[in-house]
Amino acid sequence: MKKYQQRSIWWTIAATLLLIVAGCGGGNSNTVSDPNVVNTAQGQAKGITVNGVHEFLGLPYAAPPVGALRWKAPAAAAAYSGVYDASHAGSECLQGTQAAPKGSEDCLYMNVYVPGPTTATTRLPVLFWIHGGGFINGSGIATDGSALALKANAVVVTINYRLNALGFLAHPALAAEDPNGAAGNYGIMDQAAALTWVQKNIAAFSGDPKNVTIFGDSAGGHSVYVQLASPGSAGLFAKAVAQSGDFNRVQSTLAQAETSSTTLANNWGCGATASADCLRQLPAATTLQGNPNAWYAIVDGKVLPTSTSQAFAAGTFNRVPLISGFTQDEGTFFVAAAFDAQGNPVQAANYTNTIARYLGVAGTSTAALYPLSQYSSPSQALAAADGDYRFVCAALQDGDNLAKFSPAVYMYRFSDPAPYNVGGLTSILPPTSLNYGAFHSSDLDYWWQLIPTPTTNQATLSNAMTAALSAFAHSGNPNTGSTVANWPAYTSATRQILDFGYPVSNTYDAYTAHNCGYWYGQTPTQHV
């Protein structure tokens, strides 16, 4: 682990003077001749160049959240002792199981990818990535940002943020010590702290702090929606891209989260009346015991005053241009993981009851919309209903409201029927008979230019997607300078979306195809 020491007052003053001089420059505010050395508010950091991209890895954006800082809002990172070595990534945040933990509590690091050469006269847009993983696993370094940085001509930032109970526990003892009476959402606060660091420092990497686009998939996409609805994140970003993240439209209240968190902590030996000291003295791995399959942001009254869907309907959110979208077959992975991969595929005889139990909606009326005769198996039918309810129509319904207030909203579908899938979600499951199709998160490698040997069709589609993302980051309009023609703005009246498929088209009627007239009338989704 890297260790950090407080500098002398004289070195701090000298570093401050360097920053002042750097701030007087044009595009790249780095004042040293080595393009891999930058001057940040914490001091100098030295990265590496790989394939024409300057990489600054493992930069601490906040103090290690350990000891007294466990389950606290992120604190400022310490000044560097000498030149900081940014040639390798920092630890991922704690994940795994109590018996086999991975990562560390000391994990609040980011990675910055700068396309070379760094002699641009104007600052570059910033693409700020929030990784997915159900708020239980993942890391910023898991996605290499160098290809996207080059293709989009943008500074790419990827971050870690606290996961599992360390990132989202809402125990009454923690709320009692908070000035606002809030608890939980520590991982969400980490994301905002990283954005604040970017605002203060990204000019040193040729990035434009006034042109930051946050984007994320799955839990990262949900995080984008939360950042939109969080008053404390106002001004930290200029645009947003939410990918497959609208599965949680109504977040739990603090009281609800405290109840479940108290049960969890009780199993660790720190019950409802336990002090915060009891929680902070636990071995880090103990906090992985008994965690749910996924964590979520909560309405804590501080980070999140109301549920995201309520904020969007009322217009009380950070109004920036937005791209939102989904894959064609969002539900296949989740149904496979819950049923087929467990050796218990959905049975025709129990199909209606399974719908009611799994989705929490009326089984008979839903089964009538997704009749078994139209699908290759009952699991395939349930997957279609699952994806439509929890992802597609949820995104459209929030899109209807966001479009009333945002400067512009653009929506997409990704529909490659046999997407590139090396290391994708479905690869972690045992073999099943489901046709996964364009499954959840199968679009990521296309946006990021990470398909190593794409087919001609895949290369064309990937280039179109990255060009649209790049144009949006540069101008706020995904059509500007991109290879994607006529991506119409989304409104509740037209509900036009762009279909990233073969071919790319803007004529797909998602509202009708996914039975959204029915799903709009159901209880808003709360989980995957």
Protein backbone atom coordinates (compact mmCIF):
# COMPACT_ATOMS: atom_id res chain seq x y z
CA MET A 1 0.00 0.00 0.00
CA LYS A 2 1.15 3.51 -0.68
CA LYS A 3 1.85 5.63 2.37
CA TYR A 4 1.22 9.34 2.53
CA GLN A 5 2.95 11.91 4.74
CA GLN A 6 2.20 15.57 5.39
CA ARG A 7 4.67 17.85 3.66
CA SER A 8 6.39 20.78 5.22
CA ILE A 9 4.68 24.14 4.91
CA TRP A 10 7.35 25.30 2.47
CA TRP A 11 6.77 22.44 0.03
CA THR A 12 3.03 23.08 0.21
CA ILE A 13 3.55 26.74 -0.65
CA ALA A 14 5.85 25.82 -3.52
CA ALA A 15 3.33 23.35 -4.92
CA THR A 16 0.59 25.97 -4.67
CA LEU A 17 2.70 28.46 -6.63
CA LEU A 18 3.28 25.82 -9.31
CA LEU A 19 -0.48 25.31 -9.60
CA ILE A 20 -1.09 29.05 -9.93
CA VAL A 21 1.45 29.27 -12.73
CA ALA A 22 -0.03 26.16 -14.37
CA GLY A 23 -3.53 27.62 -14.24
CA CYS A 24 -2.41 30.52 -16.43
CA GLY A 25 -1.80 28.19 -19.40
CA GLY A 26 -4.12 27.31 -22.25
CA GLY A 27 -5.01 23.66 -22.83
CA ASN A 28 -2.55 21.45 -20.99
CA SER A 29 -1.69 23.11 -17.67
CA ASN A 30 1.29 20.83 -17.06
CA THR A 31 4.37 23.03 -16.67
CA VAL A 32 7.02 20.32 -16.85
CA SER A 33 8.54 18.95 -20.05
CA ASP A 34 7.75 15.33 -19.24
CA PRO A 35 4.16 14.65 -20.45
CA ASN A 36 3.89 11.93 -17.82
CA VAL A 37 4.39 14.36 -14.93
CA VAL A 38 1.51 16.53 -13.78
CA ASN A 39 1.06 19.02 -10.98
CA THR A 40 -2.02 18.30 -8.90
CA ALA A 41 -3.30 19.94 -5.74
CA GLN A 42 -1.57 17.15 -3.80
CA GLY A 43 1.75 17.56 -5.59
CA GLN A 44 3.46 16.05 -8.60
CA ALA A 45 2.40 12.67 -9.99
CA LYS A 46 4.28 10.68 -12.62
CA GLY A 47 2.44 8.29 -14.91
CA ILE A 48 3.40 6.19 -17.92
CA THR A 49 2.77 6.22 -21.67
CA VAL A 50 1.23 3.12 -23.23
CA ASN A 51 0.40 2.99 -26.95
CA GLY A 52 0.21 6.76 -27.27
CA VAL A 53 -1.90 7.32 -24.16
CA HIS A 54 -0.59 8.92 -20.99
CA GLU A 55 -1.88 6.85 -18.08
CA PHE A 56 -1.98 8.10 -14.51
CA LEU A 57 -3.08 5.16 -12.40
CA GLY A 58 -3.94 4.76 -8.74
CA LEU A 59 -4.32 8.47 -7.95
CA PRO A 60 -5.86 8.92 -4.47
CA TYR A 61 -8.85 11.27 -4.62
CA ALA A 62 -9.74 10.95 -0.92
CA ALA A 63 -8.18 9.75 2.30
CA PRO A 64 -8.26 6.00 2.97
CA PRO A 65 -11.67 5.37 4.62
CA VAL A 66 -10.23 3.25 7.42
CA GLY A 67 -10.30 3.40 11.20
CA ALA A 68 -12.22 6.45 12.36
CA LEU A 69 -13.05 7.26 8.70
CA ARG A 70 -14.88 3.97 8.11
CA TRP A 71 -18.53 4.80 7.36
CA LYS A 72 -17.78 8.50 7.13
CA ALA A 73 -18.10 10.91 4.25
CA PRO A 74 -14.85 10.89 2.24
CA ALA A 75 -12.12 13.14 3.62
CA ALA A 76 -9.52 15.05 1.62
CA ALA A 77 -6.52 13.10 0.38
CA ALA A 78 -3.14 13.93 1.89
CA ALA A 79 -0.40 15.74 0.01
CA TYR A 80 2.12 13.55 -1.77
CA SER A 81 5.50 12.83 -0.25
CA GLY A 82 7.78 13.46 -3.19
CA VAL A 83 6.68 12.60 -6.72
CA TYR A 84 3.73 10.22 -6.60
CA ASP A 85 4.17 6.97 -8.55
CA ALA A 86 1.12 6.75 -10.83
CA SER A 87 2.37 3.85 -12.92
CA HIS A 88 0.11 1.19 -11.39
CA ALA A 89 -3.44 0.92 -10.09
CA GLY A 90 -4.47 1.13 -6.46
CA SER A 91 -6.35 -1.62 -4.70
CA GLU A 92 -9.95 -2.38 -5.63
CA CYS A 93 -12.50 -1.82 -2.88
CA LEU A 94 -13.30 -4.69 -0.51
CA GLN A 95 -15.44 -7.36 -2.16
CA GLY A 96 -15.82 -11.11 -2.31
CA THR A 97 -16.79 -13.13 0.76
CA GLN A 98 -15.76 -13.18 4.39
CA ALA A 99 -13.88 -16.42 3.74
CA ALA A 100 -12.27 -15.14 0.53
CA PRO A 101 -12.13 -11.33 0.63
CA LYS A 102 -10.55 -9.35 -2.20
CA GLY A 103 -9.37 -5.78 -2.28
CA SER A 104 -8.94 -3.39 0.60
CA GLU A 105 -10.63 -0.65 2.58
CA ASP A 106 -7.87 1.65 1.31
CA CYS A 107 -9.29 1.86 -2.18
CA LEU A 108 -10.37 5.39 -3.09
CA TYR A 109 -8.25 5.68 -6.23
CA MET A 110 -8.87 6.84 -9.77
CA ASN A 111 -7.19 6.35 -13.13
CA VAL A 112 -6.78 9.06 -15.76
CA TYR A 113 -6.14 8.36 -19.46
CA VAL A 114 -4.96 11.26 -21.63
CA PRO A 115 -4.66 10.90 -25.40
CA GLY A 116 -1.25 12.03 -26.64
CA PRO A 117 0.28 14.29 -27.58
CA THR A 118 -0.58 16.71 -24.78
CA THR A 119 -0.01 19.88 -26.77
CA ALA A 120 -3.64 20.70 -27.44
CA THR A 121 -4.47 24.40 -27.36
CA THR A 122 -7.95 23.74 -25.99
CA ARG A 123 -8.87 21.50 -23.13
CA LEU A 124 -10.46 18.15 -23.84
CA PRO A 125 -13.84 16.88 -22.67
CA VAL A 126 -13.77 14.47 -19.74
CA LEU A 127 -15.52 11.09 -19.72
CA PHE A 128 -15.95 10.07 -16.08
CA TRP A 129 -16.77 6.35 -15.72
CA ILE A 130 -18.69 4.83 -12.79
CA HIS A 131 -18.38 1.04 -12.90
CA GLY A 132 -21.22 -1.40 -12.34
CA GLY A 133 -21.40 -4.61 -10.36
CA GLY A 134 -24.48 -4.30 -8.16
CA PHE A 135 -22.52 -2.15 -5.68
CA ILE A 136 -20.90 -5.41 -4.52
CA ASN A 137 -17.99 -5.86 -6.91
CA GLY A 138 -15.98 -4.20 -9.67
CA SER A 139 -13.32 -1.53 -9.93
CA GLY A 140 -12.26 1.37 -12.09
CA ILE A 141 -9.13 -0.35 -13.37
CA ALA A 142 -11.20 -3.29 -14.67
CA THR A 143 -12.01 -1.21 -17.77
CA ASP A 144 -9.05 0.07 -19.78
CA GLY A 145 -9.82 3.62 -20.86
CA SER A 146 -6.94 4.09 -23.30
CA ALA A 147 -8.73 3.03 -26.51
CA LEU A 148 -11.74 5.21 -25.70
CA ALA A 149 -9.49 8.16 -24.87
CA LEU A 150 -7.86 7.94 -28.30
CA LYS A 151 -11.04 7.28 -30.28
CA ALA A 152 -13.07 9.98 -28.51
CA ASN A 153 -10.16 12.43 -28.16
CA ALA A 154 -11.15 12.88 -24.54
CA VAL A 155 -9.67 12.48 -21.09
CA VAL A 156 -11.11 9.30 -19.58
CA VAL A 157 -11.38 8.88 -15.81
CA THR A 158 -12.28 5.63 -14.06
CA ILE A 159 -12.78 5.36 -10.31
CA ASN A 160 -13.20 3.00 -7.39
CA TYR A 161 -15.86 3.67 -4.77
CA ARG A 162 -16.79 1.84 -1.58
CA LEU A 163 -18.86 -1.30 -2.09
CA ASN A 164 -20.96 -3.71 -0.05
CA ALA A 165 -21.70 -2.84 3.57
CA LEU A 166 -18.66 -0.57 3.77
CA GLY A 167 -20.26 1.55 1.05
CA PHE A 168 -23.94 1.40 1.94
CA LEU A 169 -24.60 0.30 5.53
CA ALA A 170 -27.20 2.56 7.19
CA HIS A 171 -26.99 1.68 10.89
CA PRO A 172 -28.74 3.90 13.47
CA ALA A 173 -25.43 4.43 15.29
CA LEU A 174 -23.96 5.93 12.14
CA ALA A 175 -26.97 8.17 11.59
CA ALA A 176 -26.77 9.34 15.22
CA GLU A 177 -23.29 10.79 14.73
CA ASP A 178 -24.06 12.49 11.41
CA PRO A 179 -25.03 16.20 11.60
CA ASN A 180 -27.86 15.54 9.14
CA GLY A 181 -28.95 12.29 10.77
CA ALA A 182 -28.04 10.43 7.59
CA ALA A 183 -26.33 7.10 7.02
CA GLY A 184 -25.53 4.90 4.04
CA ASN A 185 -24.70 6.17 0.53
CA TYR A 186 -20.98 6.29 1.34
CA GLY A 187 -20.16 4.85 -2.08
CA ILE A 188 -22.30 7.52 -3.72
CA MET A 189 -20.47 10.20 -1.72
CA ASP A 190 -17.18 8.73 -2.93
CA GLN A 191 -18.30 9.26 -6.52
CA ALA A 192 -19.08 12.91 -5.77
CA ALA A 193 -15.70 13.30 -4.02
CA ALA A 194 -13.98 11.94 -7.13
CA LEU A 195 -15.92 14.40 -9.27
CA THR A 196 -14.84 17.21 -6.94
CA TRP A 197 -11.22 16.08 -7.33
CA VAL A 198 -11.69 16.19 -11.11
CA GLN A 199 -13.04 19.74 -10.89
CA LYS A 200 -9.91 20.83 -9.01
CA ASN A 201 -7.29 18.87 -10.92
CA ILE A 202 -8.34 17.71 -14.37
CA ALA A 203 -6.97 20.82 -16.11
CA ALA A 204 -3.51 19.52 -15.25
CA PHE A 205 -4.29 16.54 -17.49
CA SER A 206 -5.55 18.69 -20.41
CA GLY A 207 -9.16 18.11 -19.33
CA ASP A 208 -11.91 20.71 -19.20
CA PRO A 209 -13.55 20.81 -15.75
CA LYS A 210 -16.54 22.57 -17.31
CA ASN A 211 -17.14 19.70 -19.72
CA VAL A 212 -17.35 16.53 -17.65
CA THR A 213 -19.68 13.74 -18.78
CA ILE A 214 -20.51 11.12 -16.16
CA PHE A 215 -21.39 7.71 -17.56
CA GLY A 216 -21.92 4.26 -16.13
CA ASP A 217 -23.56 0.91 -16.68
CA SER A 218 -25.86 -1.14 -14.42
CA ALA A 219 -25.06 -0.04 -10.86
CA GLY A 220 -22.97 2.66 -12.52
CA GLY A 221 -25.97 3.69 -14.59
CA HIS A 222 -28.08 3.78 -11.44
CA SER A 223 -25.34 5.92 -9.88
CA VAL A 224 -25.70 8.37 -12.78
CA TYR A 225 -29.42 8.72 -12.00
CA VAL A 226 -28.61 9.23 -8.32
CA GLN A 227 -26.01 11.88 -9.13
CA LEU A 228 -28.63 13.63 -11.27
CA ALA A 229 -31.02 13.67 -8.30
CA SER A 230 -28.41 14.60 -5.68
CA PRO A 231 -28.30 18.35 -4.84
CA GLY A 232 -24.72 18.01 -3.57
CA SER A 233 -23.52 17.04 -7.04
CA ALA A 234 -24.80 20.17 -8.72
CA GLY A 235 -22.12 21.70 -10.92
CA LEU A 236 -19.82 18.67 -10.79
CA PHE A 237 -20.72 17.47 -14.29
CA ALA A 238 -22.12 18.94 -17.50
CA LYS A 239 -23.63 15.85 -19.18
CA ALA A 240 -24.70 12.34 -18.23
CA VAL A 241 -25.03 8.91 -19.84
CA ALA A 242 -27.00 6.21 -17.99
CA GLN A 243 -26.62 2.72 -19.43
CA SER A 244 -29.02 0.00 -18.23
CA GLY A 245 -29.34 1.67 -14.85
CA ASP A 246 -33.04 2.35 -14.31
CA PHE A 247 -33.91 -0.87 -12.46
CA ASN A 248 -34.25 0.97 -9.14
CA ARG A 249 -36.70 3.86 -9.56
CA VAL A 250 -37.90 4.00 -5.93
CA GLN A 251 -35.17 3.84 -3.32
CA SER A 252 -35.61 2.63 0.25
CA THR A 253 -36.09 5.15 3.01
CA LEU A 254 -33.50 5.62 5.71
CA ALA A 255 -35.78 3.87 8.19
CA GLN A 256 -36.13 0.86 5.91
CA ALA A 257 -32.39 0.74 5.32
CA GLU A 258 -31.68 1.02 9.04
CA THR A 259 -33.87 -2.00 9.72
CA SER A 260 -32.05 -4.24 7.26
CA SER A 261 -28.64 -2.85 8.23
CA THR A 262 -29.34 -3.47 11.91
CA THR A 263 -30.16 -7.10 11.20
CA LEU A 264 -26.92 -7.43 9.26
CA ALA A 265 -24.81 -5.78 11.95
CA ASN A 266 -26.45 -7.89 14.64
CA ASN A 267 -25.09 -10.96 12.89
CA TRP A 268 -21.65 -9.41 13.12
CA GLY A 269 -22.01 -8.94 16.89
CA CYS A 270 -23.03 -5.27 16.79
CA GLY A 271 -26.77 -5.07 17.46
CA ALA A 272 -29.28 -2.24 17.28
CA THR A 273 -27.95 -0.54 20.40
CA ALA A 274 -24.30 -1.02 19.46
CA SER A 275 -22.04 2.00 19.13
CA ALA A 276 -20.35 3.14 15.97
CA ASP A 277 -17.09 2.11 17.66
CA CYS A 278 -18.28 -1.51 17.67
CA LEU A 279 -18.82 -1.33 13.92
CA ARG A 280 -15.49 0.34 13.24
CA GLN A 281 -13.55 -2.18 15.29
CA LEU A 282 -14.78 -5.12 13.23
CA PRO A 283 -12.28 -6.77 10.89
CA ALA A 284 -12.98 -5.51 7.39
CA ALA A 285 -13.73 -9.01 6.07
CA THR A 286 -16.45 -9.45 8.69
CA THR A 287 -18.49 -6.73 6.96
CA LEU A 288 -18.84 -9.05 3.94
CA GLN A 289 -20.74 -11.62 5.99
CA GLY A 290 -24.40 -11.93 5.04
CA ASN A 291 -24.43 -9.12 2.47
CA PRO A 292 -27.38 -9.06 0.03
CA ASN A 293 -27.00 -9.92 -3.65
CA ALA A 294 -26.98 -6.21 -4.44
CA TRP A 295 -26.91 -2.91 -2.56
CA TYR A 296 -28.72 0.28 -3.58
CA ALA A 297 -28.65 3.98 -2.84
CA ILE A 298 -31.22 5.10 -0.26
CA VAL A 299 -33.30 8.20 0.41
CA ASP A 300 -31.21 9.48 3.32
CA GLY A 301 -32.37 13.11 3.27
CA LYS A 302 -28.85 14.29 2.58
CA VAL A 303 -27.31 12.76 -0.53
CA LEU A 304 -30.72 11.80 -1.89
CA PRO A 305 -33.70 13.86 -0.65
CA THR A 306 -36.30 11.87 -2.65
CA SER A 307 -36.38 8.84 -4.90
CA THR A 308 -34.86 9.42 -8.31
CA SER A 309 -38.15 8.90 -10.16
CA GLN A 310 -39.88 11.44 -7.91
CA ALA A 311 -37.10 13.98 -8.48
CA PHE A 312 -37.35 13.53 -12.24
CA ALA A 313 -41.14 13.90 -12.24
CA ALA A 314 -40.90 17.09 -10.17
CA GLY A 315 -37.98 18.55 -12.11
CA THR A 316 -35.86 18.75 -8.95
CA PHE A 317 -32.65 17.36 -10.38
CA ASN A 318 -29.43 18.52 -11.99
CA ARG A 319 -30.65 19.42 -15.46
CA VAL A 320 -28.00 18.46 -17.98
CA PRO A 321 -28.12 16.82 -21.42
CA LEU A 322 -28.64 13.08 -21.02
CA ILE A 323 -28.25 9.84 -22.95
CA SER A 324 -30.13 6.86 -21.53
CA GLY A 325 -30.56 3.38 -22.87
CA PHE A 326 -30.83 -0.36 -22.52
CA THR A 327 -30.03 -3.63 -24.25
CA GLN A 328 -32.68 -5.62 -26.07
CA ASP A 329 -32.53 -8.63 -23.75
CA GLU A 330 -31.90 -7.13 -20.31
CA GLY A 331 -33.66 -9.92 -18.43
CA THR A 332 -31.92 -13.01 -19.76
CA PHE A 333 -28.90 -12.94 -17.44
CA PHE A 334 -30.98 -12.32 -14.32
CA VAL A 335 -33.50 -15.08 -15.01
CA ALA A 336 -30.69 -17.48 -15.89
CA ALA A 337 -28.86 -16.62 -12.66
CA ALA A 338 -31.99 -17.03 -10.54
CA PHE A 339 -33.40 -20.17 -12.18
CA ASP A 340 -31.64 -22.06 -14.97
CA ALA A 341 -28.10 -21.71 -13.64
CA GLN A 342 -29.37 -23.10 -10.35
CA GLY A 343 -30.67 -26.19 -12.10
CA ASN A 344 -34.24 -24.99 -11.63
CA PRO A 345 -35.57 -23.55 -14.90
CA VAL A 346 -39.00 -21.95 -14.92
CA GLN A 347 -41.74 -24.55 -15.44
CA ALA A 348 -44.79 -24.04 -17.63
CA ALA A 349 -47.08 -25.31 -14.89
CA ASN A 350 -45.79 -22.66 -12.48
CA TYR A 351 -45.24 -19.85 -14.98
CA THR A 352 -48.00 -17.55 -13.74
CA ASN A 353 -47.09 -18.03 -10.09
CA THR A 354 -43.40 -17.53 -10.86
CA ILE A 355 -44.17 -14.21 -12.53
CA ALA A 356 -46.05 -13.02 -9.44
CA ARG A 357 -43.34 -14.19 -7.06
CA TYR A 358 -40.31 -13.07 -9.04
CA LEU A 359 -41.56 -9.79 -10.50
CA GLY A 360 -44.09 -8.87 -7.81
CA VAL A 361 -46.82 -8.10 -10.36
CA ALA A 362 -50.08 -9.77 -11.36
CA GLY A 363 -49.21 -13.16 -12.81
CA THR A 364 -52.27 -13.78 -14.97
CA SER A 365 -52.36 -10.47 -16.82
CA THR A 366 -48.59 -10.48 -17.32
CA ALA A 367 -48.60 -14.06 -18.61
CA ALA A 368 -51.23 -13.04 -21.15
CA LEU A 369 -48.82 -10.42 -22.55
CA TYR A 370 -45.94 -12.92 -22.61
CA PRO A 371 -47.64 -16.17 -23.65
CA LEU A 372 -45.49 -19.28 -23.55
CA SER A 373 -46.40 -20.07 -27.14
CA GLN A 374 -44.26 -17.13 -28.31
CA TYR A 375 -41.06 -18.22 -26.55
CA SER A 376 -38.69 -21.15 -26.71
CA SER A 377 -39.05 -21.84 -22.98
CA PRO A 378 -40.82 -20.51 -19.88
CA SER A 379 -37.50 -19.04 -18.70
CA GLN A 380 -37.17 -17.17 -22.00
CA ALA A 381 -40.68 -15.76 -21.56
CA LEU A 382 -40.01 -14.64 -17.99
CA ALA A 383 -36.76 -13.03 -19.11
CA ALA A 384 -38.64 -10.95 -21.68
CA ALA A 385 -41.10 -9.71 -19.05
CA ASP A 386 -38.28 -9.08 -16.57
CA GLY A 387 -36.26 -6.97 -18.98
CA ASP A 388 -39.25 -4.97 -20.15
CA TYR A 389 -40.44 -4.19 -16.61
CA ARG A 390 -37.22 -3.56 -14.75
CA PHE A 391 -35.14 -1.93 -17.45
CA VAL A 392 -36.73 -0.91 -20.76
CA CYS A 393 -40.04 0.62 -19.69
CA ALA A 394 -38.49 1.97 -16.50
CA ALA A 395 -35.98 3.89 -18.62
CA LEU A 396 -38.70 5.17 -20.95
CA GLN A 397 -40.91 6.26 -18.07
CA ASP A 398 -38.11 8.22 -16.41
CA GLY A 399 -37.11 9.49 -19.85
CA ASP A 400 -40.61 10.92 -20.30
CA ASN A 401 -40.11 13.04 -17.18
CA LEU A 402 -36.46 13.92 -17.68
CA ALA A 403 -37.23 15.20 -21.17
CA LYS A 404 -39.67 17.75 -19.74
CA PHE A 405 -36.87 19.59 -17.93
CA SER A 406 -33.48 18.58 -19.34
CA PRO A 407 -31.83 20.58 -22.14
CA ALA A 408 -31.95 17.39 -24.24
CA VAL A 409 -32.53 13.67 -23.74
CA TYR A 410 -31.46 10.95 -26.18
CA MET A 411 -32.38 7.30 -25.78
CA TYR A 412 -31.00 4.14 -27.39
CA ARG A 413 -31.40 0.39 -27.62
CA PHE A 414 -28.45 -2.00 -28.20
CA SER A 415 -29.61 -5.02 -30.18
CA ASP A 416 -26.69 -7.04 -31.54
CA PRO A 417 -28.35 -10.49 -31.40
CA ALA A 418 -25.04 -12.27 -30.79
CA PRO A 419 -22.80 -9.70 -29.11
CA TYR A 420 -19.13 -10.10 -28.36
CA ASN A 421 -18.96 -11.95 -25.06
CA VAL A 422 -15.52 -12.71 -23.70
CA GLY A 423 -15.61 -12.15 -19.96
CA GLY A 424 -19.17 -10.81 -20.13
CA LEU A 425 -21.78 -11.41 -17.46
CA THR A 426 -23.12 -14.62 -18.93
CA SER A 427 -19.65 -16.16 -18.97
CA ILE A 428 -19.73 -16.42 -15.17
CA LEU A 429 -22.77 -18.72 -15.28
CA PRO A 430 -22.79 -22.46 -15.92
CA PRO A 431 -24.16 -23.44 -19.32
CA THR A 432 -27.90 -22.99 -19.79
CA SER A 433 -30.30 -23.39 -22.71
CA LEU A 434 -31.35 -19.72 -22.73
CA ASN A 435 -30.67 -17.55 -25.74
CA TYR A 436 -29.05 -14.60 -23.98
CA GLY A 437 -29.25 -12.29 -26.98
CA ALA A 438 -28.21 -8.70 -26.29
CA PHE A 439 -27.95 -9.36 -22.57
CA HIS A 440 -27.39 -6.90 -19.73
CA SER A 441 -24.09 -5.00 -20.15
CA SER A 442 -23.27 -6.73 -23.45
CA ASP A 443 -22.86 -3.30 -25.07
CA LEU A 444 -19.92 -2.14 -22.96
CA ASP A 445 -17.07 -3.40 -25.11
CA TYR A 446 -18.66 -1.66 -28.11
CA TRP A 447 -18.73 1.76 -26.43
CA TRP A 448 -15.16 1.32 -25.15
CA GLN A 449 -13.55 -0.05 -28.35
CA LEU A 450 -12.51 -3.17 -26.46
CA ILE A 451 -13.41 -5.93 -28.94
CA PRO A 452 -9.94 -7.28 -29.84
CA THR A 453 -10.82 -8.87 -33.19
CA PRO A 454 -14.27 -7.58 -34.17
CA THR A 455 -16.19 -8.77 -37.16
CA THR A 456 -16.86 -6.19 -39.84
CA ASN A 457 -20.36 -5.64 -38.46
CA GLN A 458 -19.12 -5.37 -34.89
CA ALA A 459 -16.42 -2.89 -35.85
CA THR A 460 -18.92 -0.73 -37.71
CA LEU A 461 -21.37 -0.78 -34.82
CA SER A 462 -18.68 -0.14 -32.21
CA ASN A 463 -17.35 2.82 -34.20
CA ALA A 464 -20.85 4.26 -34.53
CA MET A 465 -21.48 3.95 -30.80
CA THR A 466 -18.15 5.46 -29.79
CA ALA A 467 -18.54 8.27 -32.31
CA ALA A 468 -21.94 9.14 -30.84
CA LEU A 469 -20.56 9.07 -27.29
CA SER A 470 -17.62 11.22 -28.36
CA ALA A 471 -19.84 13.75 -30.11
CA PHE A 472 -22.05 13.96 -27.04
CA ALA A 473 -19.05 14.51 -24.77
CA HIS A 474 -17.68 17.24 -27.02
CA SER A 475 -20.90 19.08 -27.87
CA GLY A 476 -23.89 17.68 -25.98
CA ASN A 477 -25.34 16.37 -29.24
CA PRO A 478 -24.54 12.76 -30.25
CA ASN A 479 -25.15 13.62 -33.92
CA THR A 480 -22.44 16.29 -34.14
CA GLY A 481 -19.47 14.99 -36.11
CA SER A 482 -20.52 11.39 -35.54
CA THR A 483 -21.18 8.56 -37.98
CA VAL A 484 -24.68 8.15 -36.55
CA ALA A 485 -27.19 10.16 -38.56
CA ASN A 486 -30.36 11.60 -37.15
CA TRP A 487 -30.50 10.49 -33.53
CA PRO A 488 -33.69 12.37 -32.57
CA ALA A 489 -34.16 13.96 -29.17
CA TYR A 490 -36.49 11.94 -26.98
CA THR A 491 -39.84 13.30 -25.81
CA SER A 492 -42.86 11.70 -24.17
CA ALA A 493 -44.88 12.61 -27.25
CA THR A 494 -42.68 10.86 -29.83
CA ARG A 495 -40.61 8.38 -27.75
CA GLN A 496 -38.12 8.03 -30.60
CA ILE A 497 -34.97 6.12 -29.77
CA LEU A 498 -31.89 5.08 -31.73
CA ASP A 499 -31.38 1.36 -32.23
CA PHE A 500 -27.72 0.37 -32.23
CA GLY A 501 -28.14 -2.78 -34.28
CA TYR A 502 -27.74 -4.02 -37.82
CA PRO A 503 -28.40 -1.51 -39.25
CA VAL A 504 -28.42 1.49 -36.91
CA SER A 505 -31.96 2.85 -37.13
CA ASN A 506 -34.25 5.42 -35.50
CA THR A 507 -37.55 3.71 -36.36
CA TYR A 508 -37.75 1.20 -33.48
CA ASP A 509 -40.93 1.58 -31.38
CA ALA A 510 -39.69 0.47 -27.97
CA TYR A 511 -42.81 1.60 -26.13
CA THR A 512 -45.02 -0.76 -28.13
CA ALA A 513 -42.56 -3.60 -28.60
CA HIS A 514 -41.89 -3.89 -24.87
CA ASN A 515 -45.49 -3.53 -23.65
CA CYS A 516 -44.76 -0.26 -21.86
CA GLY A 517 -48.42 0.75 -21.84
CA TYR A 518 -48.90 -2.14 -19.41
CA TRP A 519 -45.72 -1.68 -17.40
CA TYR A 520 -46.28 2.04 -16.88
CA GLY A 521 -49.27 1.04 -14.74
CA GLN A 522 -47.28 -1.23 -12.45
CA THR A 523 -45.51 -0.33 -9.21
CA PRO A 524 -42.20 1.39 -10.05
CA THR A 525 -39.24 -0.97 -9.98
CA GLN A 526 -37.16 -1.15 -6.81
CA HIS A 527 -34.55 -3.80 -7.54
CA VAL A 528 -33.18 -6.28 -10.08
